[in-house]
């Protein structure tokens, strides 16, 4: 939980600082980045993760439990990076 919050703060700072590169409002761009991160993280936690946790509880595999606990961070961060690259480079319409 703490690691996910630290990553969210890092994304907020990253998007805020990179907003000038894409000619975007820094506050709006930072909020967009955090929203993408949390949306994907929530989707992963409530849709995908229960089946992984169920398998981990039945097998008692410590690596699978580690994946179930922290995979949402990796998936959400990857989606946020793709969002930053794809949407950030698009030209804004006035």
C-alpha atoms as a PDB file:
ATOM      1  CA  UNK A   1       0.000   0.000   0.000  1.00  0.00           C
ATOM      2  CA  UNK A   2       2.778   2.404   0.860  1.00  0.00           C
ATOM      3  CA  UNK A   3       4.752   1.428  -2.240  1.00  0.00           C
ATOM      4  CA  UNK A   4       1.703   2.105  -4.421  1.00  0.00           C
ATOM      5  CA  UNK A   5       1.249   5.540  -2.851  1.00  0.00           C
ATOM      6  CA  UNK A   6       4.910   6.406  -3.387  1.00  0.00           C
ATOM      7  CA  UNK A   7       4.610   5.369  -7.041  1.00  0.00           C
ATOM      8  CA  UNK A   8       1.468   7.534  -7.385  1.00  0.00           C
ATOM      9  CA  UNK A   9       3.328  10.547  -6.003  1.00  0.00           C
ATOM     10  CA  UNK A  10       6.230   9.881  -8.377  1.00  0.00           C
ATOM     11  CA  UNK A  11       3.772   9.724 -11.301  1.00  0.00           C
ATOM     12  CA  UNK A  12       2.200  12.999 -10.169  1.00  0.00           C
ATOM     13  CA  UNK A  13       5.603  14.720 -10.125  1.00  0.00           C
ATOM     14  CA  UNK A  14       6.653  13.133 -13.428  1.00  0.00           C
ATOM     15  CA  UNK A  15       3.494  14.212 -15.255  1.00  0.00           C
ATOM     16  CA  UNK A  16       3.587  17.691 -13.712  1.00  0.00           C
ATOM     17  CA  UNK A  17       7.194  18.238 -14.824  1.00  0.00           C
ATOM     18  CA  UNK A  18       6.650  16.833 -18.315  1.00  0.00           C
ATOM     19  CA  UNK A  19       3.537  18.909 -19.042  1.00  0.00           C
ATOM     20  CA  UNK A  20       5.536  21.752 -20.566  1.00  0.00           C
ATOM     21  CA  UNK A  21       7.078  19.322 -23.051  1.00  0.00           C
ATOM     22  CA  UNK A  22       3.634  18.542 -24.443  1.00  0.00           C
ATOM     23  CA  UNK A  23       2.224  22.086 -24.087  1.00  0.00           C
ATOM     24  CA  UNK A  24      -0.355  20.985 -21.518  1.00  0.00           C
ATOM     25  CA  UNK A  25      -1.664  22.450 -18.292  1.00  0.00           C
ATOM     26  CA  UNK A  26       0.616  20.926 -15.600  1.00  0.00           C
ATOM     27  CA  UNK A  27      -2.112  20.410 -13.011  1.00  0.00           C
ATOM     28  CA  UNK A  28      -4.526  18.772 -15.470  1.00  0.00           C
ATOM     29  CA  UNK A  29      -1.797  16.572 -16.938  1.00  0.00           C
ATOM     30  CA  UNK A  30      -0.636  15.465 -13.463  1.00  0.00           C
ATOM     31  CA  UNK A  31      -4.195  14.619 -12.419  1.00  0.00           C
ATOM     32  CA  UNK A  32      -4.705  12.666 -15.641  1.00  0.00           C
ATOM     33  CA  UNK A  33      -1.612  10.579 -14.943  1.00  0.00           C
ATOM     34  CA  UNK A  34      -2.676   9.769 -11.391  1.00  0.00           C
ATOM     35  CA  UNK A  35      -6.208   8.938 -12.539  1.00  0.00           C
ATOM     36  CA  UNK A  36      -4.901   6.487 -15.120  1.00  0.00           C
ATOM     37  CA  UNK A  37      -2.671   4.882 -12.497  1.00  0.00           C
ATOM     38  CA  UNK A  38      -5.446   4.509  -9.918  1.00  0.00           C
ATOM     39  CA  UNK A  39      -8.070   3.396 -12.456  1.00  0.00           C
ATOM     40  CA  UNK A  40      -5.892   0.597 -13.783  1.00  0.00           C
ATOM     41  CA  UNK A  41      -4.809  -0.293 -10.246  1.00  0.00           C
ATOM     42  CA  UNK A  42      -8.424  -0.549  -9.058  1.00  0.00           C
ATOM     43  CA  UNK A  43      -9.419  -2.575 -12.098  1.00  0.00           C
ATOM     44  CA  UNK A  44      -6.544  -4.979 -11.482  1.00  0.00           C
ATOM     45  CA  UNK A  45      -7.296  -5.230  -7.753  1.00  0.00           C
ATOM     46  CA  UNK A  46     -10.998  -5.990  -8.089  1.00  0.00           C
ATOM     47  CA  UNK A  47     -11.177  -7.913 -11.385  1.00  0.00           C
ATOM     48  CA  UNK A  48      -7.912  -9.792 -11.922  1.00  0.00           C
ATOM     49  CA  UNK A  49      -6.339 -10.100  -8.483  1.00  0.00           C
ATOM     50  CA  UNK A  50      -8.996 -12.226  -6.698  1.00  0.00           C
ATOM     51  CA  UNK A  51      -8.281 -15.217  -8.925  1.00  0.00           C
ATOM     52  CA  UNK A  52      -4.533 -14.840  -8.386  1.00  0.00           C
ATOM     53  CA  UNK A  53      -5.011 -14.567  -4.629  1.00  0.00           C
ATOM     54  CA  UNK A  54      -7.237 -17.634  -4.628  1.00  0.00           C
ATOM     55  CA  UNK A  55      -4.575 -19.654  -6.428  1.00  0.00           C
ATOM     56  CA  UNK A  56      -1.882 -18.323  -4.104  1.00  0.00           C
ATOM     57  CA  UNK A  57      -3.849 -19.251  -0.982  1.00  0.00           C
ATOM     58  CA  UNK A  58      -4.373 -22.791  -2.203  1.00  0.00           C
ATOM     59  CA  UNK A  59      -0.790 -23.420  -3.280  1.00  0.00           C
ATOM     60  CA  UNK A  60       0.960 -21.474  -0.492  1.00  0.00           C
ATOM     61  CA  UNK A  61       3.541 -20.340  -3.033  1.00  0.00           C
ATOM     62  CA  UNK A  62       5.340 -17.296  -1.654  1.00  0.00           C
ATOM     63  CA  UNK A  63       6.260 -15.988  -5.118  1.00  0.00           C
ATOM     64  CA  UNK A  64       2.633 -16.138  -6.243  1.00  0.00           C
ATOM     65  CA  UNK A  65       1.578 -14.305  -3.086  1.00  0.00           C
ATOM     66  CA  UNK A  66       4.195 -11.613  -3.805  1.00  0.00           C
ATOM     67  CA  UNK A  67       2.837 -11.264  -7.336  1.00  0.00           C
ATOM     68  CA  UNK A  68      -0.725 -11.041  -6.035  1.00  0.00           C
ATOM     69  CA  UNK A  69       0.265  -8.331  -3.602  1.00  0.00           C
ATOM     70  CA  UNK A  70       2.344  -6.058  -5.879  1.00  0.00           C
ATOM     71  CA  UNK A  71       1.444  -6.812  -9.503  1.00  0.00           C
ATOM     72  CA  UNK A  72      -1.074  -3.974  -9.658  1.00  0.00           C
ATOM     73  CA  UNK A  73       1.773  -1.483  -9.274  1.00  0.00           C
ATOM     74  CA  UNK A  74       3.686  -2.858 -12.253  1.00  0.00           C
ATOM     75  CA  UNK A  75       0.587  -3.131 -14.460  1.00  0.00           C
ATOM     76  CA  UNK A  76      -0.729   0.328 -13.540  1.00  0.00           C
ATOM     77  CA  UNK A  77       2.699   1.912 -14.007  1.00  0.00           C
ATOM     78  CA  UNK A  78       3.079   0.274 -17.435  1.00  0.00           C
ATOM     79  CA  UNK A  79      -0.344   1.569 -18.511  1.00  0.00           C
ATOM     80  CA  UNK A  80       0.538   5.031 -17.228  1.00  0.00           C
ATOM     81  CA  UNK A  81       3.774   5.049 -19.238  1.00  0.00           C
ATOM     82  CA  UNK A  82       1.875   4.031 -22.383  1.00  0.00           C
ATOM     83  CA  UNK A  83      -0.693   6.768 -21.688  1.00  0.00           C
ATOM     84  CA  UNK A  84       2.107   9.306 -21.261  1.00  0.00           C
ATOM     85  CA  UNK A  85       3.741   8.318 -24.537  1.00  0.00           C
ATOM     86  CA  UNK A  86       0.602   7.961 -26.655  1.00  0.00           C
ATOM     87  CA  UNK A  87      -1.672  10.738 -25.389  1.00  0.00           C
ATOM     88  CA  UNK A  88       1.103  13.148 -24.487  1.00  0.00           C
ATOM     89  CA  UNK A  89       2.389  13.282 -28.038  1.00  0.00           C
ATOM     90  CA  UNK A  90      -0.991  14.021 -29.601  1.00  0.00           C
ATOM     91  CA  UNK A  91      -1.618  17.602 -30.606  1.00  0.00           C
ATOM     92  CA  UNK A  92      -4.287  19.405 -28.638  1.00  0.00           C
ATOM     93  CA  UNK A  93      -7.172  20.981 -30.470  1.00  0.00           C
ATOM     94  CA  UNK A  94      -7.977  24.549 -29.486  1.00  0.00           C
END
